[in-house]
C-alpha atoms as a PDB file:
ATOM      1  CA  MET A   1     -43.144 -50.512  10.400  1.00  0.00           C
ATOM      2  CA  ALA A   2     -41.840 -54.387   9.684  1.00  0.00           C
ATOM      3  CA  THR A   3     -40.185 -55.052   6.259  1.00  0.00           C
ATOM      4  CA  LEU A   4     -42.541 -56.836   3.696  1.00  0.00           C
ATOM      5  CA  THR A   5     -41.284 -60.162   2.335  1.00  0.00           C
ATOM      6  CA  ALA A   6     -41.601 -62.006  -1.046  1.00  0.00           C
ATOM      7  CA  GLU A   7     -44.200 -64.414   0.934  1.00  0.00           C
ATOM      8  CA  VAL A   8     -46.322 -61.589   1.105  1.00  0.00           C
ATOM      9  CA  PRO A   9     -49.099 -61.091  -1.459  1.00  0.00           C
ATOM     10  CA  LEU A  10     -48.376 -58.570  -4.092  1.00  0.00           C
ATOM     11  CA  SER A  11     -51.609 -56.933  -3.064  1.00  0.00           C
ATOM     12  CA  THR A  12     -50.214 -56.557   0.442  1.00  0.00           C
ATOM     13  CA  ARG A  13     -47.181 -55.185  -0.612  1.00  0.00           C
ATOM     14  CA  LEU A  14     -48.515 -52.574  -2.930  1.00  0.00           C
ATOM     15  CA  ALA A  15     -51.219 -51.205  -0.468  1.00  0.00           C
ATOM     16  CA  HIS A  16     -48.224 -50.911   2.152  1.00  0.00           C
ATOM     17  CA  ASP A  17     -46.053 -49.041  -0.377  1.00  0.00           C
ATOM     18  CA  LEU A  18     -49.154 -46.758  -1.214  1.00  0.00           C
ATOM     19  CA  LEU A  19     -49.918 -45.933   2.283  1.00  0.00           C
ATOM     20  CA  HIS A  20     -46.329 -45.376   3.000  1.00  0.00           C
ATOM     21  CA  ALA A  21     -45.782 -42.988   0.123  1.00  0.00           C
ATOM     22  CA  TRP A  22     -49.086 -41.247   1.370  1.00  0.00           C
ATOM     23  CA  THR A  23     -48.532 -40.805   4.722  1.00  0.00           C
ATOM     24  CA  SER A  24     -44.979 -39.724   4.132  1.00  0.00           C
ATOM     25  CA  GLY A  25     -45.964 -36.704   2.042  1.00  0.00           C
ATOM     26  CA  ASP A  26     -43.658 -37.456  -0.907  1.00  0.00           C
ATOM     27  CA  SER A  27     -46.044 -36.174  -3.732  1.00  0.00           C
ATOM     28  CA  GLU A  28     -43.606 -38.094  -6.597  1.00  0.00           C
ATOM     29  CA  GLN A  29     -43.620 -41.535  -4.664  1.00  0.00           C
ATOM     30  CA  LEU A  30     -47.218 -41.082  -4.100  1.00  0.00           C
ATOM     31  CA  GLU A  31     -47.786 -40.710  -8.031  1.00  0.00           C
ATOM     32  CA  LEU A  32     -45.409 -43.855  -8.711  1.00  0.00           C
ATOM     33  CA  GLU A  33     -47.297 -46.127  -5.900  1.00  0.00           C
ATOM     34  CA  LEU A  34     -50.782 -44.850  -7.402  1.00  0.00           C
ATOM     35  CA  ARG A  35     -49.874 -45.864 -10.819  1.00  0.00           C
ATOM     36  CA  ARG A  36     -48.214 -49.181  -9.711  1.00  0.00           C
ATOM     37  CA  SER A  37     -51.257 -50.114  -7.661  1.00  0.00           C
ATOM     38  CA  MET A  38     -53.518 -49.194 -10.749  1.00  0.00           C
ATOM     39  CA  GLU A  39     -51.516 -51.421 -12.871  1.00  0.00           C
ATOM     40  CA  VAL A  40     -51.419 -54.226 -10.835  1.00  0.00           C
ATOM     41  CA  PRO A  41     -52.093 -57.534 -12.706  1.00  0.00           C
ATOM     42  CA  LEU A  42     -55.641 -58.136 -11.717  1.00  0.00           C
ATOM     43  CA  GLN A  43     -55.254 -62.043 -12.129  1.00  0.00           C
ATOM     44  CA  ALA A  44     -53.829 -64.172  -9.206  1.00  0.00           C
ATOM     45  CA  TYR A  45     -53.359 -67.474  -7.764  1.00  0.00           C
ATOM     46  CA  ASP A  46     -56.569 -67.462  -5.681  1.00  0.00           C
ATOM     47  CA  GLN A  47     -59.957 -65.693  -5.755  1.00  0.00           C
ATOM     48  CA  GLY A  48     -59.222 -63.840  -2.554  1.00  0.00           C
ATOM     49  CA  GLU A  49     -55.816 -62.423  -3.690  1.00  0.00           C
ATOM     50  CA  GLU A  50     -57.997 -61.501  -7.135  1.00  0.00           C
ATOM     51  CA  GLU A  51     -60.417 -59.555  -4.912  1.00  0.00           C
ATOM     52  CA  ARG A  52     -57.793 -57.782  -3.095  1.00  0.00           C
ATOM     53  CA  ARG A  53     -55.916 -56.621  -6.477  1.00  0.00           C
ATOM     54  CA  HIS A  54     -59.292 -55.349  -7.615  1.00  0.00           C
ATOM     55  CA  LEU A  55     -59.907 -53.550  -4.470  1.00  0.00           C
ATOM     56  CA  LEU A  56     -56.377 -52.065  -4.399  1.00  0.00           C
ATOM     57  CA  CYS A  57     -56.851 -51.003  -7.954  1.00  0.00           C
ATOM     58  CA  ALA A  58     -60.172 -49.053  -7.267  1.00  0.00           C
ATOM     59  CA  VAL A  59     -58.978 -47.441  -4.460  1.00  0.00           C
ATOM     60  CA  ALA A  60     -55.822 -46.166  -6.120  1.00  0.00           C
ATOM     61  CA  ALA A  61     -57.743 -44.714  -9.020  1.00  0.00           C
ATOM     62  CA  ARG A  62     -60.306 -43.244  -6.426  1.00  0.00           C
ATOM     63  CA  MET A  63     -57.336 -41.472  -4.758  1.00  0.00           C
ATOM     64  CA  LYS A  64     -55.785 -40.312  -7.856  1.00  0.00           C
ATOM     65  CA  ALA A  65     -58.792 -39.189  -9.341  1.00  0.00           C
ATOM     66  CA  HIS A  66     -59.753 -37.244  -5.932  1.00  0.00           C
ATOM     67  CA  PRO A  67     -58.366 -33.552  -5.751  1.00  0.00           C
ATOM     68  CA  ASP A  68     -58.395 -33.377  -1.954  1.00  0.00           C
ATOM     69  CA  ARG A  69     -55.979 -35.490  -0.135  1.00  0.00           C
ATOM     70  CA  SER A  70     -56.059 -33.795   2.898  1.00  0.00           C
ATOM     71  CA  LYS A  71     -56.184 -36.234   6.009  1.00  0.00           C
ATOM     72  CA  ARG A  72     -59.565 -34.922   7.065  1.00  0.00           C
ATOM     73  CA  ASP A  73     -61.193 -35.486   3.831  1.00  0.00           C
ATOM     74  CA  PRO A  74     -63.963 -38.487   4.148  1.00  0.00           C
ATOM     75  CA  VAL A  75     -62.985 -39.865   0.888  1.00  0.00           C
ATOM     76  CA  THR A  76     -59.404 -39.881   1.250  1.00  0.00           C
ATOM     77  CA  GLU A  77     -59.899 -41.291   4.999  1.00  0.00           C
ATOM     78  CA  LEU A  78     -61.957 -44.140   3.626  1.00  0.00           C
ATOM     79  CA  CYS A  79     -59.001 -44.661   0.868  1.00  0.00           C
ATOM     80  CA  THR A  80     -56.361 -45.290   3.604  1.00  0.00           C
ATOM     81  CA  ARG A  81     -58.402 -47.141   5.755  1.00  0.00           C
ATOM     82  CA  LEU A  82     -59.068 -49.809   3.150  1.00  0.00           C
ATOM     83  CA  LEU A  83     -55.705 -49.796   2.428  1.00  0.00           C
ATOM     84  CA  GLY A  84     -54.883 -50.374   5.922  1.00  0.00           C
ATOM     85  CA  HIS A  85     -57.393 -53.624   5.705  1.00  0.00           C
ATOM     86  CA  LEU A  86     -55.115 -54.486   2.669  1.00  0.00           C
ATOM     87  CA  VAL A  87     -51.979 -54.769   4.298  1.00  0.00           C
ATOM     88  CA  CYS A  88     -53.405 -56.486   7.351  1.00  0.00           C
ATOM     89  CA  ALA A  89     -55.226 -58.944   5.096  1.00  0.00           C
ATOM     90  CA  GLN A  90     -52.700 -62.215   4.584  1.00  0.00           C
END
């Protein structure tokens, strides 16, 4: 996966890091990234970035609250798909 640079929006970088932590299976890193994504400042330089940050925060909160993090769980699958869209949204 390509390295994300400083020019990439914060929501994209955080979504990338959260998705990577989830797919790696590293539970400590996943908890860290969930917390970082839920604590992201919601105000941004434009409305699109603000909306992406709100979505990221909501997805992370849902993932943290959902007990089943298996790849076949519909809620987890939806969350990871939304994260994938956030990673691609630039």
